[in-house]
Amino acid sequence: MATISKELKKAVMDVIMDGIKRTNYHNDTFGGRMNGWGPVQATRMLHENKIRVKDNYVEQDGKPIAKIHRRYSQRRVHLCYRELKPTIEWLEEAA
């Protein structure tokens, strides 16, 4: 399996953070609508390299290449726990 470049790693983080931002915004505004297209270039880069972001892992060609360790705030905001910036653990065979 090929090594993952810094640009692809940044694109993975951008896509994950966009999803977190959208979820936190949805919880804060009780279902309000968020404007913006999100990370279009990052999404395109991941699609061209056959990389998919799942719930707790990232896969390329059906093989997991990274684990996502998600974190949540300790205090509730509008009855929900806000999701914080996660850490990504890249697997050895992919790095």
PDB file of N, CA and C in Angstrom:
ATOM      1  N   MET A   1       0.842  -1.170   0.000  1.00  0.00           N
ATOM      2  CA  MET A   1       0.000   0.000   0.000  1.00  0.00           C
ATOM      3  C   MET A   1       0.892   1.240   0.000  1.00  0.00           C
ATOM      4  N   ALA A   2       0.529   2.235  -0.747  1.00  0.00           N
ATOM      5  CA  ALA A   2       1.326   3.455  -0.879  1.00  0.00           C
ATOM      6  C   ALA A   2       1.248   4.293   0.384  1.00  0.00           C
ATOM      7  N   THR A   3       2.254   5.137   0.552  1.00  0.00           N
ATOM      8  CA  THR A   3       2.251   6.018   1.717  1.00  0.00           C
ATOM      9  C   THR A   3       1.233   7.136   1.514  1.00  0.00           C
ATOM     10  N   ILE A   4       0.741   7.644   2.617  1.00  0.00           N
ATOM     11  CA  ILE A   4      -0.248   8.714   2.591  1.00  0.00           C
ATOM     12  C   ILE A   4       0.490  10.043   2.698  1.00  0.00           C
ATOM     13  N   SER A   5       0.262  10.937   1.758  1.00  0.00           N
ATOM     14  CA  SER A   5       0.957  12.222   1.750  1.00  0.00           C
ATOM     15  C   SER A   5       0.366  13.158   2.800  1.00  0.00           C
ATOM     16  N   LYS A   6       1.105  14.231   3.084  1.00  0.00           N
ATOM     17  CA  LYS A   6       0.633  15.219   4.052  1.00  0.00           C
ATOM     18  C   LYS A   6      -0.652  15.887   3.572  1.00  0.00           C
ATOM     19  N   GLU A   7      -0.766  16.101   2.258  1.00  0.00           N
ATOM     20  CA  GLU A   7      -1.962  16.734   1.718  1.00  0.00           C
ATOM     21  C   GLU A   7      -3.195  15.857   1.938  1.00  0.00           C
ATOM     22  N   LEU A   8      -3.033  14.529   1.744  1.00  0.00           N
ATOM     23  CA  LEU A   8      -4.166  13.632   1.960  1.00  0.00           C
ATOM     24  C   LEU A   8      -4.527  13.554   3.437  1.00  0.00           C
ATOM     25  N   LYS A   9      -3.525  13.563   4.315  1.00  0.00           N
ATOM     26  CA  LYS A   9      -3.806  13.547   5.749  1.00  0.00           C
ATOM     27  C   LYS A   9      -4.559  14.808   6.157  1.00  0.00           C
ATOM     28  N   LYS A  10      -4.162  15.950   5.594  1.00  0.00           N
ATOM     29  CA  LYS A  10      -4.857  17.203   5.894  1.00  0.00           C
ATOM     30  C   LYS A  10      -6.281  17.168   5.337  1.00  0.00           C
ATOM     31  N   ALA A  11      -6.465  16.575   4.156  1.00  0.00           N
ATOM     32  CA  ALA A  11      -7.797  16.474   3.561  1.00  0.00           C
ATOM     33  C   ALA A  11      -8.706  15.596   4.424  1.00  0.00           C
ATOM     34  N   VAL A  12      -8.167  14.501   4.969  1.00  0.00           N
ATOM     35  CA  VAL A  12      -8.957  13.642   5.855  1.00  0.00           C
ATOM     36  C   VAL A  12      -9.403  14.430   7.078  1.00  0.00           C
ATOM     37  N   MET A  13      -8.486  15.194   7.687  1.00  0.00           N
ATOM     38  CA  MET A  13      -8.836  15.981   8.870  1.00  0.00           C
ATOM     39  C   MET A  13      -9.861  17.060   8.526  1.00  0.00           C
ATOM     40  N   ASP A  14      -9.739  17.686   7.345  1.00  0.00           N
ATOM     41  CA  ASP A  14     -10.696  18.711   6.934  1.00  0.00           C
ATOM     42  C   ASP A  14     -12.108  18.136   6.802  1.00  0.00           C
ATOM     43  N   VAL A  15     -12.223  16.955   6.213  1.00  0.00           N
ATOM     44  CA  VAL A  15     -13.532  16.334   6.033  1.00  0.00           C
ATOM     45  C   VAL A  15     -14.131  15.945   7.387  1.00  0.00           C
ATOM     46  N   ILE A  16     -13.299  15.404   8.281  1.00  0.00           N
ATOM     47  CA  ILE A  16     -13.782  15.032   9.608  1.00  0.00           C
ATOM     48  C   ILE A  16     -14.236  16.265  10.377  1.00  0.00           C
ATOM     49  N   MET A  17     -13.424  17.327  10.348  1.00  0.00           N
ATOM     50  CA  MET A  17     -13.755  18.539  11.088  1.00  0.00           C
ATOM     51  C   MET A  17     -15.003  19.212  10.529  1.00  0.00           C
ATOM     52  N   ASP A  18     -15.235  19.116   9.216  1.00  0.00           N
ATOM     53  CA  ASP A  18     -16.452  19.682   8.640  1.00  0.00           C
ATOM     54  C   ASP A  18     -17.683  18.959   9.177  1.00  0.00           C
ATOM     55  N   GLY A  19     -17.608  17.639   9.271  1.00  0.00           N
ATOM     56  CA  GLY A  19     -18.723  16.885   9.833  1.00  0.00           C
ATOM     57  C   GLY A  19     -18.974  17.236  11.287  1.00  0.00           C
ATOM     58  N   ILE A  20     -17.903  17.423  12.054  1.00  0.00           N
ATOM     59  CA  ILE A  20     -18.039  17.799  13.461  1.00  0.00           C
ATOM     60  C   ILE A  20     -18.658  19.183  13.575  1.00  0.00           C
ATOM     61  N   LYS A  21     -18.173  20.110  12.733  1.00  0.00           N
ATOM     62  CA  LYS A  21     -18.695  21.472  12.766  1.00  0.00           C
ATOM     63  C   LYS A  21     -20.188  21.491  12.442  1.00  0.00           C
ATOM     64  N   ARG A  22     -20.584  20.709  11.455  1.00  0.00           N
ATOM     65  CA  ARG A  22     -21.994  20.657  11.082  1.00  0.00           C
ATOM     66  C   ARG A  22     -22.850  20.050  12.203  1.00  0.00           C
ATOM     67  N   THR A  23     -22.358  18.999  12.846  1.00  0.00           N
ATOM     68  CA  THR A  23     -23.107  18.374  13.937  1.00  0.00           C
ATOM     69  C   THR A  23     -23.243  19.322  15.121  1.00  0.00           C
ATOM     70  N   ASN A  24     -22.149  19.976  15.494  1.00  0.00           N
ATOM     71  CA  ASN A  24     -22.206  20.906  16.617  1.00  0.00           C
ATOM     72  C   ASN A  24     -23.134  22.079  16.312  1.00  0.00           C
ATOM     73  N   TYR A  25     -23.091  22.588  15.081  1.00  0.00           N
ATOM     74  CA  TYR A  25     -23.964  23.695  14.692  1.00  0.00           C
ATOM     75  C   TYR A  25     -25.426  23.250  14.735  1.00  0.00           C
ATOM     76  N   HIS A  26     -25.694  22.061  14.241  1.00  0.00           N
ATOM     77  CA  HIS A  26     -27.066  21.539  14.237  1.00  0.00           C
ATOM     78  C   HIS A  26     -27.593  21.430  15.661  1.00  0.00           C
ATOM     79  N   ASN A  27     -26.747  20.959  16.598  1.00  0.00           N
ATOM     80  CA  ASN A  27     -27.174  20.825  17.990  1.00  0.00           C
ATOM     81  C   ASN A  27     -27.348  22.187  18.648  1.00  0.00           C
ATOM     82  N   ASP A  28     -26.504  23.162  18.296  1.00  0.00           N
ATOM     83  CA  ASP A  28     -26.589  24.487  18.921  1.00  0.00           C
ATOM     84  C   ASP A  28     -27.813  25.273  18.469  1.00  0.00           C
ATOM     85  N   THR A  29     -28.187  25.113  17.219  1.00  0.00           N
ATOM     86  CA  THR A  29     -29.299  25.909  16.680  1.00  0.00           C
ATOM     87  C   THR A  29     -30.593  25.118  16.601  1.00  0.00           C
ATOM     88  N   PHE A  30     -30.613  23.933  17.184  1.00  0.00           N
ATOM     89  CA  PHE A  30     -31.800  23.085  17.199  1.00  0.00           C
ATOM     90  C   PHE A  30     -32.313  22.818  15.786  1.00  0.00           C
ATOM     91  N   GLY A  31     -31.412  22.457  14.902  1.00  0.00           N
ATOM     92  CA  GLY A  31     -31.796  22.058  13.558  1.00  0.00           C
ATOM     93  C   GLY A  31     -31.737  23.167  12.541  1.00  0.00           C
ATOM     94  N   GLY A  32     -31.070  24.268  12.857  1.00  0.00           N
ATOM     95  CA  GLY A  32     -30.950  25.359  11.889  1.00  0.00           C
ATOM     96  C   GLY A  32     -30.113  24.940  10.689  1.00  0.00           C
ATOM     97  N   ARG A  33     -30.221  25.704   9.631  1.00  0.00           N
ATOM     98  CA  ARG A  33     -29.510  25.356   8.403  1.00  0.00           C
ATOM     99  C   ARG A  33     -28.159  26.056   8.356  1.00  0.00           C
ATOM    100  N   MET A  34     -27.151  25.355   7.898  1.00  0.00           N
ATOM    101  CA  MET A  34     -25.810  25.901   7.831  1.00  0.00           C
ATOM    102  C   MET A  34     -25.455  26.187   6.376  1.00  0.00           C
ATOM    103  N   ASN A  35     -24.948  27.371   6.121  1.00  0.00           N
ATOM    104  CA  ASN A  35     -24.572  27.730   4.766  1.00  0.00           C
ATOM    105  C   ASN A  35     -23.156  27.235   4.466  1.00  0.00           C
ATOM    106  N   GLY A  36     -22.857  27.082   3.213  1.00  0.00           N
ATOM    107  CA  GLY A  36     -21.507  26.705   2.803  1.00  0.00           C
ATOM    108  C   GLY A  36     -21.468  25.323   2.180  1.00  0.00           C
ATOM    109  N   TRP A  37     -20.466  25.139   1.354  1.00  0.00           N
ATOM    110  CA  TRP A  37     -20.298  23.887   0.630  1.00  0.00           C
ATOM    111  C   TRP A  37     -19.422  22.897   1.379  1.00  0.00           C
ATOM    112  N   GLY A  38     -18.678  23.366   2.362  1.00  0.00           N
ATOM    113  CA  GLY A  38     -17.775  22.462   3.060  1.00  0.00           C
ATOM    114  C   GLY A  38     -16.471  22.318   2.273  1.00  0.00           C
ATOM    115  N   PRO A  39     -15.675  21.343   2.629  1.00  0.00           N
ATOM    116  CA  PRO A  39     -14.362  21.168   1.996  1.00  0.00           C
ATOM    117  C   PRO A  39     -14.470  20.438   0.655  1.00  0.00           C
ATOM    118  N   VAL A  40     -14.805  21.160  -0.381  1.00  0.00           N
ATOM    119  CA  VAL A  40     -15.026  20.533  -1.689  1.00  0.00           C
ATOM    120  C   VAL A  40     -13.733  19.936  -2.246  1.00  0.00           C
ATOM    121  N   GLN A  41     -12.633  20.676  -2.171  1.00  0.00           N
ATOM    122  CA  GLN A  41     -11.365  20.163  -2.711  1.00  0.00           C
ATOM    123  C   GLN A  41     -10.875  18.960  -1.929  1.00  0.00           C
ATOM    124  N   ALA A  42     -11.034  18.989  -0.610  1.00  0.00           N
ATOM    125  CA  ALA A  42     -10.600  17.860   0.209  1.00  0.00           C
ATOM    126  C   ALA A  42     -11.423  16.616  -0.117  1.00  0.00           C
ATOM    127  N   THR A  43     -12.712  16.796  -0.278  1.00  0.00           N
ATOM    128  CA  THR A  43     -13.574  15.669  -0.620  1.00  0.00           C
ATOM    129  C   THR A  43     -13.214  15.092  -1.980  1.00  0.00           C
ATOM    130  N   ARG A  44     -12.901  15.959  -2.927  1.00  0.00           N
ATOM    131  CA  ARG A  44     -12.504  15.499  -4.258  1.00  0.00           C
ATOM    132  C   ARG A  44     -11.184  14.722  -4.203  1.00  0.00           C
ATOM    133  N   MET A  45     -10.229  15.219  -3.403  1.00  0.00           N
ATOM    134  CA  MET A  45      -8.944  14.521  -3.265  1.00  0.00           C
ATOM    135  C   MET A  45      -9.144  13.116  -2.688  1.00  0.00           C
ATOM    136  N   LEU A  46     -10.000  13.010  -1.681  1.00  0.00           N
ATOM    137  CA  LEU A  46     -10.242  11.701  -1.081  1.00  0.00           C
ATOM    138  C   LEU A  46     -10.939  10.768  -2.061  1.00  0.00           C
ATOM    139  N   HIS A  47     -11.880  11.296  -2.833  1.00  0.00           N
ATOM    140  CA  HIS A  47     -12.580  10.469  -3.820  1.00  0.00           C
ATOM    141  C   HIS A  47     -11.623   9.973  -4.903  1.00  0.00           C
ATOM    142  N   GLU A  48     -10.720  10.834  -5.367  1.00  0.00           N
ATOM    143  CA  GLU A  48      -9.779  10.433  -6.416  1.00  0.00           C
ATOM    144  C   GLU A  48      -8.800   9.365  -5.927  1.00  0.00           C
ATOM    145  N   ASN A  49      -8.497   9.359  -4.632  1.00  0.00           N
ATOM    146  CA  ASN A  49      -7.572   8.370  -4.071  1.00  0.00           C
ATOM    147  C   ASN A  49      -8.292   7.198  -3.410  1.00  0.00           C
ATOM    148  N   LYS A  50      -9.597   7.093  -3.603  1.00  0.00           N
ATOM    149  CA  LYS A  50     -10.427   6.000  -3.094  1.00  0.00           C
ATOM    150  C   LYS A  50     -10.333   5.864  -1.577  1.00  0.00           C
ATOM    151  N   ILE A  51     -10.378   7.015  -0.893  1.00  0.00           N
ATOM    152  CA  ILE A  51     -10.330   7.044   0.566  1.00  0.00           C
ATOM    153  C   ILE A  51     -11.718   7.402   1.083  1.00  0.00           C
ATOM    154  N   ARG A  52     -12.204   6.625   2.070  1.00  0.00           N
ATOM    155  CA  ARG A  52     -13.516   6.875   2.664  1.00  0.00           C
ATOM    156  C   ARG A  52     -13.356   7.060   4.163  1.00  0.00           C
ATOM    157  N   VAL A  53     -14.062   8.038   4.699  1.00  0.00           N
ATOM    158  CA  VAL A  53     -14.058   8.294   6.141  1.00  0.00           C
ATOM    159  C   VAL A  53     -15.312   7.663   6.720  1.00  0.00           C
ATOM    160  N   LYS A  54     -15.121   6.670   7.569  1.00  0.00           N
ATOM    161  CA  LYS A  54     -16.235   5.999   8.236  1.00  0.00           C
ATOM    162  C   LYS A  54     -16.381   6.588   9.630  1.00  0.00           C
ATOM    163  N   ASP A  55     -17.151   5.942  10.496  1.00  0.00           N
ATOM    164  CA  ASP A  55     -17.400   6.465  11.839  1.00  0.00           C
ATOM    165  C   ASP A  55     -16.121   6.612  12.647  1.00  0.00           C
ATOM    166  N   ASN A  56     -15.401   5.528  12.855  1.00  0.00           N
ATOM    167  CA  ASN A  56     -14.217   5.563  13.702  1.00  0.00           C
ATOM    168  C   ASN A  56     -12.954   5.116  12.992  1.00  0.00           C
ATOM    169  N   TYR A  57     -12.985   5.037  11.673  1.00  0.00           N
ATOM    170  CA  TYR A  57     -11.787   4.675  10.935  1.00  0.00           C
ATOM    171  C   TYR A  57     -11.830   5.244   9.525  1.00  0.00           C
ATOM    172  N   VAL A  58     -10.666   5.236   8.883  1.00  0.00           N
ATOM    173  CA  VAL A  58     -10.516   5.705   7.511  1.00  0.00           C
ATOM    174  C   VAL A  58     -10.043   4.519   6.693  1.00  0.00           C
ATOM    175  N   GLU A  59     -10.629   4.308   5.534  1.00  0.00           N
ATOM    176  CA  GLU A  59     -10.229   3.169   4.713  1.00  0.00           C
ATOM    177  C   GLU A  59      -9.901   3.611   3.296  1.00  0.00           C
ATOM    178  N   GLN A  60      -8.972   2.860   2.704  1.00  0.00           N
ATOM    179  CA  GLN A  60      -8.587   3.079   1.311  1.00  0.00           C
ATOM    180  C   GLN A  60      -8.676   1.740   0.602  1.00  0.00           C
ATOM    181  N   ASP A  61      -9.445   1.682  -0.457  1.00  0.00           N
ATOM    182  CA  ASP A  61      -9.694   0.449  -1.201  1.00  0.00           C
ATOM    183  C   ASP A  61     -10.223  -0.666  -0.300  1.00  0.00           C
ATOM    184  N   GLY A  62     -11.036  -0.307   0.696  1.00  0.00           N
ATOM    185  CA  GLY A  62     -11.626  -1.300   1.578  1.00  0.00           C
ATOM    186  C   GLY A  62     -10.750  -1.743   2.730  1.00  0.00           C
ATOM    187  N   LYS A  63      -9.516  -1.240   2.814  1.00  0.00           N
ATOM    188  CA  LYS A  63      -8.605  -1.618   3.899  1.00  0.00           C
ATOM    189  C   LYS A  63      -8.438  -0.439   4.843  1.00  0.00           C
ATOM    190  N   PRO A  64      -8.547  -0.675   6.154  1.00  0.00           N
ATOM    191  CA  PRO A  64      -8.392   0.435   7.101  1.00  0.00           C
ATOM    192  C   PRO A  64      -6.962   0.972   7.100  1.00  0.00           C
ATOM    193  N   ILE A  65      -6.831   2.304   7.052  1.00  0.00           N
ATOM    194  CA  ILE A  65      -5.508   2.927   7.060  1.00  0.00           C
ATOM    195  C   ILE A  65      -5.315   3.822   8.281  1.00  0.00           C
ATOM    196  N   ALA A  66      -6.410   4.132   9.009  1.00  0.00           N
ATOM    197  CA  ALA A  66      -6.286   4.999  10.180  1.00  0.00           C
ATOM    198  C   ALA A  66      -7.470   4.788  11.115  1.00  0.00           C
ATOM    199  N   LYS A  67      -7.217   5.027  12.419  1.00  0.00           N
ATOM    200  CA  LYS A  67      -8.266   5.012  13.422  1.00  0.00           C
ATOM    201  C   LYS A  67      -8.541   6.444  13.848  1.00  0.00           C
ATOM    202  N   ILE A  68      -9.807   6.749  14.098  1.00  0.00           N
ATOM    203  CA  ILE A  68     -10.194   8.073  14.562  1.00  0.00           C
ATOM    204  C   ILE A  68     -10.577   7.952  16.032  1.00  0.00           C
ATOM    205  N   HIS A  69      -9.870   8.687  16.884  1.00  0.00           N
ATOM    206  CA  HIS A  69     -10.182   8.708  18.310  1.00  0.00           C
ATOM    207  C   HIS A  69     -10.953   9.997  18.584  1.00  0.00           C
ATOM    208  N   ARG A  70     -12.253   9.862  18.765  1.00  0.00           N
ATOM    209  CA  ARG A  70     -13.113  11.032  18.953  1.00  0.00           C
ATOM    210  C   ARG A  70     -13.142  11.443  20.420  1.00  0.00           C
ATOM    211  N   ARG A  71     -13.301  12.765  20.643  1.00  0.00           N
ATOM    212  CA  ARG A  71     -13.370  13.320  21.992  1.00  0.00           C
ATOM    213  C   ARG A  71     -14.598  14.208  22.101  1.00  0.00           C
ATOM    214  N   TYR A  72     -15.149  14.267  23.307  1.00  0.00           N
ATOM    215  CA  TYR A  72     -16.329  15.079  23.551  1.00  0.00           C
ATOM    216  C   TYR A  72     -16.099  15.970  24.761  1.00  0.00           C
ATOM    217  N   SER A  73     -16.791  17.093  24.806  1.00  0.00           N
ATOM    218  CA  SER A  73     -16.647  18.008  25.933  1.00  0.00           C
ATOM    219  C   SER A  73     -17.246  17.380  27.192  1.00  0.00           C
ATOM    220  N   GLN A  74     -16.804  17.875  28.341  1.00  0.00           N
ATOM    221  CA  GLN A  74     -17.318  17.331  29.589  1.00  0.00           C
ATOM    222  C   GLN A  74     -18.596  18.026  30.031  1.00  0.00           C
ATOM    223  N   ARG A  75     -18.835  19.202  29.510  1.00  0.00           N
ATOM    224  CA  ARG A  75     -20.054  19.937  29.845  1.00  0.00           C
ATOM    225  C   ARG A  75     -21.010  19.931  28.656  1.00  0.00           C
ATOM    226  N   ARG A  76     -22.277  19.940  28.962  1.00  0.00           N
ATOM    227  CA  ARG A  76     -23.270  19.946  27.900  1.00  0.00           C
ATOM    228  C   ARG A  76     -23.584  21.375  27.477  1.00  0.00           C
ATOM    229  N   VAL A  77     -23.827  21.541  26.192  1.00  0.00           N
ATOM    230  CA  VAL A  77     -24.252  22.816  25.637  1.00  0.00           C
ATOM    231  C   VAL A  77     -25.560  22.535  24.896  1.00  0.00           C
ATOM    232  N   HIS A  78     -26.637  23.191  25.317  1.00  0.00           N
ATOM    233  CA  HIS A  78     -27.961  22.959  24.734  1.00  0.00           C
ATOM    234  C   HIS A  78     -28.326  21.479  24.773  1.00  0.00           C
ATOM    235  N   LEU A  79     -28.090  20.856  25.910  1.00  0.00           N
ATOM    236  CA  LEU A  79     -28.432  19.459  26.183  1.00  0.00           C
ATOM    237  C   LEU A  79     -27.626  18.446  25.370  1.00  0.00           C
ATOM    238  N   CYS A  80     -26.538  18.866  24.737  1.00  0.00           N
ATOM    239  CA  CYS A  80     -25.709  17.962  23.943  1.00  0.00           C
ATOM    240  C   CYS A  80     -24.243  18.153  24.314  1.00  0.00           C
ATOM    241  N   TYR A  81     -23.478  17.094  24.196  1.00  0.00           N
ATOM    242  CA  TYR A  81     -22.043  17.190  24.390  1.00  0.00           C
ATOM    243  C   TYR A  81     -21.405  17.553  23.054  1.00  0.00           C
ATOM    244  N   ARG A  82     -20.615  18.626  23.047  1.00  0.00           N
ATOM    245  CA  ARG A  82     -19.968  19.067  21.810  1.00  0.00           C
ATOM    246  C   ARG A  82     -18.802  18.139  21.482  1.00  0.00           C
ATOM    247  N   GLU A  83     -18.653  17.831  20.210  1.00  0.00           N
ATOM    248  CA  GLU A  83     -17.519  17.012  19.799  1.00  0.00           C
ATOM    249  C   GLU A  83     -16.316  17.917  19.567  1.00  0.00           C
ATOM    250  N   LEU A  84     -15.167  17.498  20.064  1.00  0.00           N
ATOM    251  CA  LEU A  84     -13.931  18.255  19.933  1.00  0.00           C
ATOM    252  C   LEU A  84     -13.088  17.681  18.807  1.00  0.00           C
ATOM    253  N   LYS A  85     -11.961  18.323  18.536  1.00  0.00           N
ATOM    254  CA  LYS A  85     -11.078  17.869  17.460  1.00  0.00           C
ATOM    255  C   LYS A  85     -10.512  16.490  17.796  1.00  0.00           C
ATOM    256  N   PRO A  86     -10.704  15.520  16.911  1.00  0.00           N
ATOM    257  CA  PRO A  86     -10.233  14.161  17.204  1.00  0.00           C
ATOM    258  C   PRO A  86      -8.738  13.999  16.877  1.00  0.00           C
ATOM    259  N   THR A  87      -8.190  12.890  17.343  1.00  0.00           N
ATOM    260  CA  THR A  87      -6.826  12.530  16.948  1.00  0.00           C
ATOM    261  C   THR A  87      -6.936  11.354  15.978  1.00  0.00           C
ATOM    262  N   ILE A  88      -6.044  11.356  15.001  1.00  0.00           N
ATOM    263  CA  ILE A  88      -6.051  10.294  13.999  1.00  0.00           C
ATOM    264  C   ILE A  88      -4.783   9.472  14.177  1.00  0.00           C
ATOM    265  N   GLU A  89      -4.968   8.178  14.357  1.00  0.00           N
ATOM    266  CA  GLU A  89      -3.835   7.256  14.506  1.00  0.00           C
ATOM    267  C   GLU A  89      -3.656   6.525  13.186  1.00  0.00           C
ATOM    268  N   TRP A  90      -2.594   6.868  12.478  1.00  0.00           N
ATOM    269  CA  TRP A  90      -2.333   6.237  11.174  1.00  0.00           C
ATOM    270  C   TRP A  90      -1.694   4.880  11.409  1.00  0.00           C
ATOM    271  N   LEU A  91      -2.200   3.859  10.752  1.00  0.00           N
ATOM    272  CA  LEU A  91      -1.689   2.515  10.936  1.00  0.00           C
ATOM    273  C   LEU A  91      -0.321   2.375  10.278  1.00  0.00           C
ATOM    274  N   GLU A  92       0.495   1.493  10.796  1.00  0.00           N
ATOM    275  CA  GLU A  92       1.896   1.371  10.367  1.00  0.00           C
ATOM    276  C   GLU A  92       2.024   0.959   8.898  1.00  0.00           C
ATOM    277  N   GLU A  93       1.196   0.015   8.454  1.00  0.00           N
ATOM    278  CA  GLU A  93       1.335  -0.445   7.072  1.00  0.00           C
ATOM    279  C   GLU A  93       0.922   0.620   6.068  1.00  0.00           C
ATOM    280  N   ALA A  94       0.129   1.607   6.512  1.00  0.00           N
ATOM    281  CA  ALA A  94      -0.301   2.675   5.606  1.00  0.00           C
ATOM    282  C   ALA A  94       0.658   3.851   5.639  1.00  0.00           C
ATOM    283  N   ALA A  95       1.365   4.050   6.730  1.00  0.00           N
ATOM    284  CA  ALA A  95       2.232   5.223   6.876  1.00  0.00           C
ATOM    285  C   ALA A  95       3.581   5.045   6.259  1.00  0.00           C
TER     286      ALA A  95
END
